[in-house]
């Protein structure tokens, strides 16, 4: 546009302040939209957090290092009604079961669903950061622990 160079990390408060000081109506318009979207995200995040804090199962999951209110609610939504599992072993098998999808007359078996695998990986690394010599951390070689 004007070949403007601004030092700093984009979208920090200082960076946005510097952009506003340019007094460009296009830039200010985009910043206004960004501000409204950030407020919406904050409001929704607070609502999700309230829902998790009112749910006994979510609170129990959040007591595990690395599980936030988002992860807890995601896990609960994936599991559904926990009473459908006769015991903890069946729940574990469901949680780590490979995905299955159908196309016409063919059945495809794959890895654990990507969403659940991603949450699982984030939880493990958060747990290792909090308790490097804990249950999860003890399964990793020393060189892996230092990577995160």
Protein backbone atom coordinates (compact mmCIF):
# COMPACT_ATOMS: atom_id res chain seq x y z
CA UNK A 1 0.00 0.00 0.00
CA UNK A 2 2.31 2.77 1.26
CA UNK A 3 5.37 0.55 1.79
CA UNK A 4 5.21 1.17 5.55
CA UNK A 5 7.52 -0.82 7.82
CA UNK A 6 6.58 -1.18 11.48
CA UNK A 7 8.95 -2.86 13.89
CA UNK A 8 7.50 -5.24 16.43
CA UNK A 9 5.36 -8.31 16.62
CA UNK A 10 2.13 -8.00 14.60
CA UNK A 11 -1.14 -7.67 16.51
CA UNK A 12 0.37 -6.83 19.87
CA UNK A 13 -1.19 -3.83 21.62
CA UNK A 14 1.79 -1.66 20.73
CA UNK A 15 1.71 -2.73 17.08
CA UNK A 16 -2.04 -2.01 16.79
CA UNK A 17 -1.54 1.37 18.50
CA UNK A 18 1.13 2.22 15.91
CA UNK A 19 -1.20 1.17 13.09
CA UNK A 20 -4.00 3.35 14.49
CA UNK A 21 -1.63 6.33 14.64
CA UNK A 22 -1.25 6.08 10.84
CA UNK A 23 -4.83 7.44 10.64
CA UNK A 24 -5.58 5.42 7.52
CA UNK A 25 -9.31 4.79 7.20
CA UNK A 26 -8.79 1.40 5.51
CA UNK A 27 -6.42 0.16 8.20
CA UNK A 28 -8.67 1.51 10.98
CA UNK A 29 -11.66 -0.23 9.37
CA UNK A 30 -9.83 -3.56 9.41
CA UNK A 31 -8.70 -2.98 12.99
CA UNK A 32 -12.29 -2.24 14.02
CA UNK A 33 -13.45 -5.52 12.48
CA UNK A 34 -10.60 -7.33 14.24
CA UNK A 35 -11.57 -5.73 17.55
CA UNK A 36 -15.21 -6.85 17.20
CA UNK A 37 -14.16 -10.39 16.27
CA UNK A 38 -11.74 -10.58 19.22
CA UNK A 39 -14.52 -9.46 21.57
CA UNK A 40 -16.83 -12.15 20.16
CA UNK A 41 -14.13 -14.79 20.61
CA UNK A 42 -13.55 -13.64 24.20
CA UNK A 43 -17.29 -13.77 24.99
CA UNK A 44 -17.69 -17.24 23.51
CA UNK A 45 -14.54 -18.49 25.28
CA UNK A 46 -15.91 -17.24 28.60
CA UNK A 47 -19.23 -18.99 27.94
CA UNK A 48 -17.44 -22.25 27.10
CA UNK A 49 -15.37 -21.91 30.28
CA UNK A 50 -18.55 -21.39 32.33
CA UNK A 51 -20.12 -24.50 30.80
CA UNK A 52 -17.03 -26.56 31.67
CA UNK A 53 -16.92 -25.21 35.23
CA UNK A 54 -20.59 -26.20 35.72
CA UNK A 55 -20.00 -29.76 34.49
CA UNK A 56 -18.74 -32.24 37.10
CA UNK A 57 -17.16 -34.56 34.51
CA UNK A 58 -15.37 -31.63 32.84
CA UNK A 59 -14.06 -30.43 36.21
CA UNK A 60 -12.72 -33.90 36.91
CA UNK A 61 -10.95 -33.99 33.54
CA UNK A 62 -9.55 -30.48 34.09
CA UNK A 63 -7.86 -31.74 37.27
CA UNK A 64 -5.46 -33.64 34.98
CA UNK A 65 -2.43 -31.50 34.06
CA UNK A 66 -2.70 -30.33 30.47
CA UNK A 67 -6.48 -30.57 30.11
CA UNK A 68 -8.13 -27.18 29.71
CA UNK A 69 -11.83 -26.47 29.59
CA UNK A 70 -11.75 -26.76 25.78
CA UNK A 71 -10.06 -30.17 25.91
CA UNK A 72 -12.35 -31.41 28.67
CA UNK A 73 -15.52 -30.51 26.77
CA UNK A 74 -14.08 -31.90 23.54
CA UNK A 75 -13.27 -35.22 25.20
CA UNK A 76 -16.73 -35.38 26.78
CA UNK A 77 -18.38 -34.64 23.43
CA UNK A 78 -16.37 -37.42 21.75
CA UNK A 79 -17.17 -39.97 24.48
CA UNK A 80 -20.85 -39.11 24.82
CA UNK A 81 -22.74 -40.93 27.58
CA UNK A 82 -20.06 -42.66 29.64
CA UNK A 83 -22.62 -45.11 31.02
CA UNK A 84 -22.72 -46.86 27.65
CA UNK A 85 -19.34 -48.42 28.48
CA UNK A 86 -19.52 -51.46 30.76
CA UNK A 87 -16.10 -50.70 32.28
CA UNK A 88 -13.02 -48.48 31.94
CA UNK A 89 -11.35 -50.96 29.58
CA UNK A 90 -14.11 -50.52 27.01
CA UNK A 91 -13.82 -46.75 27.30
CA UNK A 92 -10.07 -46.92 26.67
CA UNK A 93 -10.59 -49.16 23.64
CA UNK A 94 -13.13 -46.68 22.28
CA UNK A 95 -10.82 -43.72 22.88
CA UNK A 96 -7.87 -45.31 21.08
CA UNK A 97 -9.84 -47.23 18.47
CA UNK A 98 -8.85 -46.59 14.89
CA UNK A 99 -11.24 -44.64 12.72
CA UNK A 100 -13.47 -46.45 10.27
CA UNK A 101 -15.10 -44.89 7.24
CA UNK A 102 -17.23 -46.28 4.49
CA UNK A 103 -17.37 -45.41 0.81
CA UNK A 104 -19.76 -47.40 -1.30
CA UNK A 105 -19.05 -51.08 -0.65
CA UNK A 106 -15.57 -50.45 0.76
CA UNK A 107 -14.55 -50.06 4.39
CA UNK A 108 -11.40 -48.09 5.29
CA UNK A 109 -9.65 -48.42 8.65
CA UNK A 110 -7.26 -45.70 9.72
CA UNK A 111 -5.61 -44.13 12.71
CA UNK A 112 -7.36 -42.55 15.65
CA UNK A 113 -9.38 -39.53 14.50
CA UNK A 114 -7.11 -36.55 13.89
CA UNK A 115 -9.02 -34.26 16.26
CA UNK A 116 -8.78 -36.64 19.21
CA UNK A 117 -5.15 -37.44 18.40
CA UNK A 118 -4.30 -33.72 18.34
CA UNK A 119 -5.93 -33.13 21.73
CA UNK A 120 -4.22 -36.22 23.11
CA UNK A 121 -0.81 -34.97 21.93
CA UNK A 122 -1.36 -31.48 23.40
CA UNK A 123 -2.43 -32.97 26.72
CA UNK A 124 0.63 -35.25 26.87
CA UNK A 125 3.08 -32.40 26.19
CA UNK A 126 1.38 -30.11 28.70
CA UNK A 127 1.53 -32.92 31.25
CA UNK A 128 5.24 -33.47 30.56
CA UNK A 129 5.97 -29.72 30.91
CA UNK A 130 4.20 -29.69 34.27
CA UNK A 131 5.52 -33.02 35.57
CA UNK A 132 8.57 -34.09 33.56
CA UNK A 133 9.14 -37.09 35.82
CA UNK A 134 5.44 -37.97 36.04
CA UNK A 135 3.65 -40.96 34.57
CA UNK A 136 3.67 -39.64 30.99
CA UNK A 137 7.16 -38.12 31.15
CA UNK A 138 8.76 -41.37 32.28
CA UNK A 139 7.81 -43.04 29.00
CA UNK A 140 9.84 -40.60 26.89
CA UNK A 141 13.59 -40.77 26.29
CA UNK A 142 15.51 -37.87 27.85
CA UNK A 143 16.24 -36.25 24.47
CA UNK A 144 12.49 -36.07 23.69
CA UNK A 145 11.67 -34.35 27.01
CA UNK A 146 13.84 -31.37 26.17
CA UNK A 147 12.15 -30.72 22.83
CA UNK A 148 8.94 -29.21 24.24
